[in-house]
């Protein structure tokens, strides 16, 4: 599913929560010439799957390729 300006207006608690989560634990990267990419790094996998249910334009959660130390 493609993003269609769902966050142009922040009018629900879910949108506010997700933006706070991205602000505190995430990053937004511009892949030049392609698209923006939002990454959230948290251990709560259930929360990540819930985000995809509420906002289906996000891709399914993927495990980090970075090795834990």
Protein backbone atom coordinates (compact mmCIF):
# COMPACT_ATOMS: atom_id res chain seq x y z
CA UNK A 1 0.00 0.00 0.00
CA UNK A 2 1.30 3.46 -0.86
CA UNK A 3 1.43 6.40 1.55
CA UNK A 4 -1.25 8.96 0.70
CA UNK A 5 -0.71 11.87 3.12
CA UNK A 6 -2.20 10.13 6.17
CA UNK A 7 0.06 12.26 8.39
CA UNK A 8 -0.74 15.59 6.75
CA UNK A 9 -3.18 16.15 9.63
CA UNK A 10 -2.30 14.69 13.05
CA UNK A 11 -5.83 14.09 14.31
CA UNK A 12 -5.71 10.82 16.26
CA UNK A 13 -3.85 9.53 19.31
CA UNK A 14 -2.32 6.74 17.17
CA UNK A 15 -0.73 9.24 14.81
CA UNK A 16 0.62 11.30 17.71
CA UNK A 17 2.03 8.20 19.42
CA UNK A 18 3.74 6.97 16.26
CA UNK A 19 5.31 10.35 15.54
CA UNK A 20 6.61 10.47 19.13
CA UNK A 21 8.01 6.97 18.74
CA UNK A 22 9.79 7.90 15.51
CA UNK A 23 11.11 11.08 17.13
CA UNK A 24 12.47 9.22 20.15
CA UNK A 25 13.59 5.85 18.69
CA UNK A 26 13.62 6.26 14.93
CA UNK A 27 15.18 7.89 11.92
CA UNK A 28 13.93 9.17 8.59
CA UNK A 29 16.31 8.78 5.65
CA UNK A 30 15.96 10.24 2.17
CA UNK A 31 17.15 7.68 -0.38
CA UNK A 32 18.10 10.27 -2.99
CA UNK A 33 15.95 10.01 -6.09
CA UNK A 34 13.77 7.25 -4.67
CA UNK A 35 11.79 7.66 -1.47
CA UNK A 36 11.92 8.45 2.22
CA UNK A 37 12.55 5.60 4.62
CA UNK A 38 11.44 5.55 8.25
CA UNK A 39 13.24 3.23 10.65
CA UNK A 40 12.25 2.45 14.22
CA UNK A 41 14.56 0.39 16.36
CA UNK A 42 12.77 -1.14 19.34
CA UNK A 43 12.62 -4.61 20.80
CA UNK A 44 8.82 -4.74 21.11
CA UNK A 45 7.99 -6.75 17.98
CA UNK A 46 4.27 -6.86 18.83
CA UNK A 47 4.18 -3.05 18.80
CA UNK A 48 5.82 -2.99 15.37
CA UNK A 49 3.22 -5.41 13.99
CA UNK A 50 0.44 -3.29 15.54
CA UNK A 51 1.81 -0.21 13.77
CA UNK A 52 1.58 -2.05 10.44
CA UNK A 53 -2.03 -3.02 11.21
CA UNK A 54 -3.02 0.57 11.97
CA UNK A 55 -0.89 2.14 9.22
CA UNK A 56 -0.66 -0.44 6.40
CA UNK A 57 1.61 1.72 4.22
CA UNK A 58 4.50 0.73 6.52
CA UNK A 59 6.33 -2.43 5.52
CA UNK A 60 6.45 -5.51 7.72
CA UNK A 61 9.05 -5.34 10.52
CA UNK A 62 12.47 -6.73 9.67
CA UNK A 63 15.26 -7.84 11.96
CA UNK A 64 18.22 -5.51 12.16
CA UNK A 65 21.33 -6.55 10.25
CA UNK A 66 23.49 -4.84 12.87
CA UNK A 67 25.07 -7.31 15.28
CA UNK A 68 24.24 -6.84 18.96
CA UNK A 69 27.17 -6.18 21.26
